[in-house]
């Protein structure tokens, strides 16, 4: 019941931007805050933050990124570069007549948010990125090659690259089970399947739900992916090397806008994958000079798991830059 109410409390509409129709959920009035979801999510992942931000005087807008939910899903993986997605969002700002916005992102949405800040600092008041820090482009080796060198052929990204492979593996399960395997993930090591096994088979299905999500909410995610499929979302991974090629002119570029990174201490790869060391080292600080890092007790989908804490962290940061509005 609560889920149906939440779906109805926001205003959903489709907006033409950058040659596609993009579905957005919005609530509130005031300075614009874009909320960018990750994989496998859609706008509903931000249900808690949308209400919190709207109640505190902000115009919260959570789009379904291209390929997800009720937004258009172009067929070619080459239509899912970071440039396409940033372009969609600049078009969204233009639609609302906003010169600048706060940009908040998690997972793939965080990657996109970092690049909005990198490409168009003139359009960004501040960034809040969850789970995924900004990482430098390697000058000599394609991204998927570096993944292969570090993690082997059964790293989840490597499996996702092959068109149709993950879709076929996912199809052995019902959609709710697929959602449970990803959204309730509690592995802290990098996601590498044993040899000969698909990543979806390797991920566990929890026997009971944590207190932060309900069966009804999981069903909302499942129903949406049953409608839209997984190919659009998986195309983000399939465009990773194209991103690497196209990002060459930005080699060594810094993200100059104010940025806050929120990461869970049980995030995948936080300790053993080197994320913690990277955040404490000189490279991240040099690439994102105007940053602060907050570590919360939680996992990957921390905006859902620790919804109130994350909402408070977002609000406390963006309110520093909202005085002029």
Protein backbone atom coordinates (compact mmCIF):
# COMPACT_ATOMS: atom_id res chain seq x y z
CA UNK A 1 0.00 0.00 0.00
CA UNK A 2 2.80 2.37 1.01
CA UNK A 3 4.49 1.62 -2.31
CA UNK A 4 1.41 2.54 -4.34
CA UNK A 5 1.07 5.75 -2.35
CA UNK A 6 4.72 6.61 -3.00
CA UNK A 7 4.36 5.97 -6.73
CA UNK A 8 1.35 8.28 -6.75
CA UNK A 9 2.88 11.03 -4.63
CA UNK A 10 5.35 12.07 -7.30
CA UNK A 11 4.56 13.64 -10.64
CA UNK A 12 5.76 11.46 -13.51
CA UNK A 13 6.10 12.71 -17.08
CA UNK A 14 8.12 12.11 -20.21
CA UNK A 15 10.32 14.90 -21.55
CA UNK A 16 11.99 15.15 -24.97
CA UNK A 17 15.73 15.61 -24.51
CA UNK A 18 18.73 14.92 -26.72
CA UNK A 19 16.62 13.02 -29.25
CA UNK A 20 14.95 10.64 -26.77
CA UNK A 21 11.92 10.65 -24.49
CA UNK A 22 13.04 10.53 -20.87
CA UNK A 23 10.71 9.63 -18.03
CA UNK A 24 11.13 11.65 -14.84
CA UNK A 25 9.60 11.57 -11.37
CA UNK A 26 9.51 14.96 -9.66
CA UNK A 27 8.31 16.58 -6.47
CA UNK A 28 8.72 19.92 -4.74
CA UNK A 29 9.75 23.41 -5.74
CA UNK A 30 13.02 25.26 -5.28
CA UNK A 31 16.59 24.66 -6.46
CA UNK A 32 16.79 21.71 -8.84
CA UNK A 33 18.32 18.44 -7.58
CA UNK A 34 18.85 15.66 -10.12
CA UNK A 35 18.86 12.16 -8.62
CA UNK A 36 20.55 9.60 -10.89
CA UNK A 37 19.99 5.89 -10.23
CA UNK A 38 22.26 2.95 -11.01
CA UNK A 39 22.00 -0.67 -12.12
CA UNK A 40 19.55 -2.39 -11.73
CA UNK A 41 17.28 0.47 -10.64
CA UNK A 42 15.04 3.22 -12.00
CA UNK A 43 13.76 6.48 -10.46
CA UNK A 44 11.99 4.57 -7.66
CA UNK A 45 15.38 3.88 -6.03
CA UNK A 46 15.30 7.52 -4.84
CA UNK A 47 11.77 7.33 -3.35
CA UNK A 48 13.01 8.31 0.14
CA UNK A 49 15.25 11.17 -1.00
CA UNK A 50 12.65 12.64 -3.38
CA UNK A 51 10.23 13.22 -0.50
CA UNK A 52 12.92 14.41 1.91
CA UNK A 53 14.34 16.96 -0.52
CA UNK A 54 10.90 18.18 -1.60
CA UNK A 55 9.93 18.65 2.06
CA UNK A 56 13.03 20.79 2.59
CA UNK A 57 12.47 23.25 -0.26
CA UNK A 58 14.06 21.58 -3.27
CA UNK A 59 12.76 20.51 -6.69
CA UNK A 60 13.73 16.83 -6.72
CA UNK A 61 13.86 15.26 -10.18
CA UNK A 62 14.72 11.58 -10.59
CA UNK A 63 14.90 10.50 -14.23
CA UNK A 64 14.87 6.99 -15.60
CA UNK A 65 18.22 7.09 -17.40
CA UNK A 66 18.13 6.12 -21.08
CA UNK A 67 17.58 2.37 -21.41
CA UNK A 68 15.86 2.11 -18.03
CA UNK A 69 12.26 2.20 -16.84
CA UNK A 70 9.89 4.28 -18.94
CA UNK A 71 12.59 6.19 -20.83
CA UNK A 72 13.50 5.35 -24.41
CA UNK A 73 15.95 2.52 -24.92
CA UNK A 74 18.01 2.97 -28.11
CA UNK A 75 19.01 -0.33 -29.70
CA UNK A 76 22.76 0.16 -30.25
CA UNK A 77 25.20 -0.14 -27.32
CA UNK A 78 27.09 2.78 -28.90
CA UNK A 79 24.14 5.02 -27.91
CA UNK A 80 24.97 4.55 -24.21
CA UNK A 81 28.22 6.46 -23.85
CA UNK A 82 28.73 8.85 -20.98
CA UNK A 83 28.40 11.65 -23.54
CA UNK A 84 24.89 10.56 -24.52
CA UNK A 85 23.73 10.34 -20.91
CA UNK A 86 25.28 13.66 -19.85
CA UNK A 87 23.66 15.18 -22.95
CA UNK A 88 20.27 13.85 -21.84
CA UNK A 89 20.70 15.57 -18.47
CA UNK A 90 21.86 18.91 -19.89
CA UNK A 91 18.69 18.79 -22.00
CA UNK A 92 16.72 18.17 -18.81
CA UNK A 93 18.24 21.28 -17.18
CA UNK A 94 17.38 23.27 -20.29
CA UNK A 95 13.81 21.93 -20.22
CA UNK A 96 13.40 23.25 -16.68
CA UNK A 97 15.08 26.54 -17.59
CA UNK A 98 17.73 25.98 -14.91
CA UNK A 99 21.24 27.26 -15.48
CA UNK A 100 22.58 25.10 -12.64
CA UNK A 101 21.52 22.08 -10.61
CA UNK A 102 22.74 19.88 -7.82
CA UNK A 103 23.57 16.45 -9.22
CA UNK A 104 23.32 13.36 -7.01
CA UNK A 105 24.13 9.90 -8.34
CA UNK A 106 24.61 6.31 -7.21
CA UNK A 107 26.43 3.47 -8.99
CA UNK A 108 26.21 4.21 -12.77
CA UNK A 109 24.38 7.40 -11.79
CA UNK A 110 27.47 8.42 -9.79
CA UNK A 111 29.71 7.81 -12.82
CA UNK A 112 27.38 10.01 -14.86
CA UNK A 113 27.31 12.68 -12.14
CA UNK A 114 31.12 12.87 -12.04
CA UNK A 115 31.17 13.46 -15.80
CA UNK A 116 28.44 16.09 -15.67
CA UNK A 117 30.76 17.87 -13.23
CA UNK A 118 33.78 17.30 -15.48
CA UNK A 119 32.17 18.31 -18.80
CA UNK A 120 29.82 21.07 -17.63
CA UNK A 121 30.98 22.63 -14.35
CA UNK A 122 29.07 25.75 -15.43
CA UNK A 123 25.80 23.80 -14.99
CA UNK A 124 26.59 22.18 -11.61
CA UNK A 125 26.29 23.77 -8.16
CA UNK A 126 27.67 20.70 -6.39
CA UNK A 127 27.85 16.91 -6.76
CA UNK A 128 26.95 14.16 -4.32
CA UNK A 129 28.15 10.75 -5.50
CA UNK A 130 27.34 7.47 -3.79
CA UNK A 131 29.40 4.26 -3.83
CA UNK A 132 31.57 5.08 -6.87
CA UNK A 133 34.49 7.54 -6.65
CA UNK A 134 35.77 9.40 -9.69
CA UNK A 135 38.54 7.32 -11.22
CA UNK A 136 41.24 8.36 -13.67
CA UNK A 137 41.32 7.18 -17.28
CA UNK A 138 44.26 4.96 -18.05
CA UNK A 139 46.30 6.54 -20.87
CA UNK A 140 47.46 3.19 -22.31
CA UNK A 141 44.96 0.42 -21.66
CA UNK A 142 41.27 0.09 -22.41
CA UNK A 143 39.06 -0.11 -19.34
CA UNK A 144 37.75 -3.62 -19.99
CA UNK A 145 41.33 -4.83 -20.60
CA UNK A 146 42.42 -3.46 -17.24
CA UNK A 147 39.42 -5.21 -15.59
CA UNK A 148 40.44 -8.45 -17.29
CA UNK A 149 44.03 -8.08 -16.08
CA UNK A 150 42.91 -7.38 -12.52
CA UNK A 151 39.92 -9.70 -12.16
CA UNK A 152 39.94 -12.23 -15.02
CA UNK A 153 37.25 -13.25 -17.50
CA UNK A 154 34.54 -13.98 -14.95
CA UNK A 155 34.39 -10.51 -13.44
CA UNK A 156 30.78 -9.36 -13.68
CA UNK A 157 31.60 -6.51 -16.11
CA UNK A 158 33.46 -8.93 -18.41
CA UNK A 159 30.40 -11.21 -18.47
CA UNK A 160 28.06 -8.29 -19.15
CA UNK A 161 30.05 -7.21 -22.23
CA UNK A 162 28.92 -10.08 -24.44
CA UNK A 163 25.60 -9.13 -26.09
CA UNK A 164 22.78 -11.37 -24.90
CA UNK A 165 24.83 -13.41 -22.44
CA UNK A 166 23.67 -11.82 -19.18
CA UNK A 167 20.11 -11.44 -20.50
CA UNK A 168 19.99 -15.18 -21.16
CA UNK A 169 21.42 -15.99 -17.71
CA UNK A 170 19.03 -13.61 -15.94
CA UNK A 171 16.08 -15.19 -17.77
CA UNK A 172 16.53 -18.42 -15.80
CA UNK A 173 15.13 -16.56 -12.77
CA UNK A 174 11.97 -14.62 -12.13
CA UNK A 175 12.42 -10.84 -11.99
CA UNK A 176 11.96 -10.56 -8.21
CA UNK A 177 14.79 -13.06 -7.68
CA UNK A 178 17.09 -11.09 -10.02
CA UNK A 179 16.29 -7.92 -8.05
CA UNK A 180 16.98 -9.66 -4.74
CA UNK A 181 20.31 -11.01 -5.99
CA UNK A 182 21.51 -7.52 -6.95
CA UNK A 183 19.80 -5.06 -4.61
CA UNK A 184 20.41 -7.15 -1.47
CA UNK A 185 24.01 -7.93 -2.33
CA UNK A 186 26.23 -8.20 0.71
CA UNK A 187 29.47 -9.39 -0.84
CA UNK A 188 32.43 -7.17 -0.07
CA UNK A 189 34.90 -8.75 -2.52
CA UNK A 190 34.91 -7.77 -6.21
CA UNK A 191 32.12 -9.60 -8.06
CA UNK A 192 33.93 -12.47 -9.77
CA UNK A 193 32.09 -15.70 -10.56
CA UNK A 194 33.85 -19.05 -10.23
CA UNK A 195 35.11 -20.37 -13.59
CA UNK A 196 32.28 -21.56 -15.82
CA UNK A 197 29.57 -19.91 -13.72
CA UNK A 198 27.39 -16.94 -14.58
CA UNK A 199 27.47 -14.04 -12.11
CA UNK A 200 23.70 -14.21 -11.58
CA UNK A 201 24.05 -17.88 -10.50
CA UNK A 202 26.90 -16.96 -8.17
CA UNK A 203 24.95 -14.21 -6.39
CA UNK A 204 22.92 -15.49 -3.47
CA UNK A 205 19.18 -15.09 -3.01
CA UNK A 206 18.69 -14.02 0.62
CA UNK A 207 16.15 -16.14 2.49
CA UNK A 208 14.74 -13.11 4.31
CA UNK A 209 14.59 -9.41 3.56
CA UNK A 210 16.52 -6.75 5.45
CA UNK A 211 14.35 -4.17 7.24
CA UNK A 212 15.02 -1.40 4.69
CA UNK A 213 13.08 -2.93 1.78
CA UNK A 214 9.73 -4.71 1.45
CA UNK A 215 8.46 -7.43 -0.88
CA UNK A 216 6.15 -4.80 -2.38
CA UNK A 217 9.07 -2.50 -3.17
CA UNK A 218 11.08 -5.33 -4.72
CA UNK A 219 8.02 -6.14 -6.82
CA UNK A 220 7.95 -2.54 -8.10
CA UNK A 221 11.53 -2.96 -9.37
CA UNK A 222 10.76 -6.42 -10.78
CA UNK A 223 7.66 -5.24 -12.63
CA UNK A 224 9.51 -2.33 -14.20
CA UNK A 225 12.38 -4.52 -15.45
CA UNK A 226 9.88 -7.07 -16.73
CA UNK A 227 8.43 -4.25 -18.87
CA UNK A 228 11.73 -2.70 -20.00
CA UNK A 229 14.14 -5.65 -20.05
CA UNK A 230 17.85 -5.62 -19.19
CA UNK A 231 19.50 -4.89 -22.55
CA UNK A 232 19.33 -1.08 -22.27
CA UNK A 233 20.87 -1.12 -18.77
CA UNK A 234 23.54 -3.67 -19.80
CA UNK A 235 24.47 -1.47 -22.76
CA UNK A 236 26.12 0.94 -20.29
CA UNK A 237 28.74 -1.76 -19.68
CA UNK A 238 28.96 -2.52 -23.40
CA UNK A 239 29.88 1.12 -24.09
CA UNK A 240 32.71 1.20 -21.51
CA UNK A 241 35.52 0.90 -24.07
CA UNK A 242 33.87 3.42 -26.37
CA UNK A 243 33.84 5.81 -23.41
CA UNK A 244 37.56 5.13 -22.97
CA UNK A 245 38.24 6.01 -26.61
CA UNK A 246 36.13 9.18 -26.58
CA UNK A 247 37.45 10.43 -23.23
CA UNK A 248 41.04 10.77 -24.47
CA UNK A 249 40.81 14.60 -24.74
CA UNK A 250 40.00 14.75 -21.01
CA UNK A 251 43.07 12.75 -20.00
CA UNK A 252 44.19 14.02 -16.59
CA UNK A 253 41.24 16.43 -16.22
CA UNK A 254 40.05 17.32 -12.73
CA UNK A 255 36.52 17.60 -11.38
CA UNK A 256 36.63 21.12 -9.99
CA UNK A 257 33.07 21.48 -8.63
CA UNK A 258 32.39 20.87 -4.93
CA UNK A 259 31.77 17.15 -4.44
CA UNK A 260 30.79 14.86 -1.62
CA UNK A 261 31.32 11.10 -1.87
CA UNK A 262 29.23 8.84 0.34
CA UNK A 263 30.37 5.23 0.51
CA UNK A 264 29.47 2.25 2.67
CA UNK A 265 32.13 0.49 4.69
CA UNK A 266 30.75 -2.81 3.33
CA UNK A 267 30.78 -1.57 -0.29
CA UNK A 268 31.95 -4.13 -2.86
CA UNK A 269 35.74 -3.85 -2.99
CA UNK A 270 35.92 -1.12 -0.34
CA UNK A 271 38.65 -2.81 1.71
CA UNK A 272 39.98 -5.61 -0.48
CA UNK A 273 39.39 -3.94 -3.85
CA UNK A 274 41.46 -0.88 -2.99
CA UNK A 275 38.69 1.74 -2.80
CA UNK A 276 39.51 2.78 0.76
CA UNK A 277 43.22 3.13 -0.04
CA UNK A 278 42.40 5.11 -3.20
CA UNK A 279 40.19 7.55 -1.29
CA UNK A 280 42.87 8.07 1.34
CA UNK A 281 45.64 8.53 -1.24
CA UNK A 282 46.85 11.53 -3.23
CA UNK A 283 45.33 10.61 -6.62
CA UNK A 284 41.66 11.05 -5.71
CA UNK A 285 42.41 14.32 -3.92
CA UNK A 286 44.29 15.63 -6.97
CA UNK A 287 41.50 14.64 -9.38
CA UNK A 288 38.68 15.96 -7.18
CA UNK A 289 40.40 18.77 -5.23
CA UNK A 290 37.17 20.13 -3.72
CA UNK A 291 35.92 16.90 -2.14
CA UNK A 292 34.73 15.49 1.14
CA UNK A 293 34.26 11.78 1.85
CA UNK A 294 31.70 10.30 4.24
CA UNK A 295 31.84 6.61 5.14
CA UNK A 296 28.59 5.12 6.44
CA UNK A 297 27.89 1.68 7.84
CA UNK A 298 26.31 -0.03 4.84
CA UNK A 299 26.53 -1.79 1.48
CA UNK A 300 26.29 -0.77 -2.19
CA UNK A 301 22.70 0.48 -2.47
CA UNK A 302 23.20 2.72 0.53
CA UNK A 303 20.63 5.35 -0.52
CA UNK A 304 17.98 2.67 -0.01
CA UNK A 305 19.59 0.81 2.90
CA UNK A 306 20.44 3.91 4.96
CA UNK A 307 17.84 6.20 3.41
CA UNK A 308 17.52 8.74 6.23
CA UNK A 309 21.27 9.07 6.81
CA UNK A 310 21.92 9.52 3.09
CA UNK A 311 19.08 12.06 2.78
CA UNK A 312 20.57 14.02 5.69
CA UNK A 313 24.08 13.87 4.18
CA UNK A 314 22.79 15.13 0.81
CA UNK A 315 20.79 17.92 2.41
CA UNK A 316 23.57 19.09 4.74
CA UNK A 317 25.98 19.34 1.79
CA UNK A 318 23.76 21.02 -0.81
CA UNK A 319 22.34 23.48 1.72
CA UNK A 320 25.82 25.06 1.91
CA UNK A 321 25.40 26.15 -1.71
CA UNK A 322 21.71 27.03 -1.63
CA UNK A 323 21.82 30.39 0.19
CA UNK A 324 21.67 32.43 -3.00
CA UNK A 325 18.42 30.79 -4.17
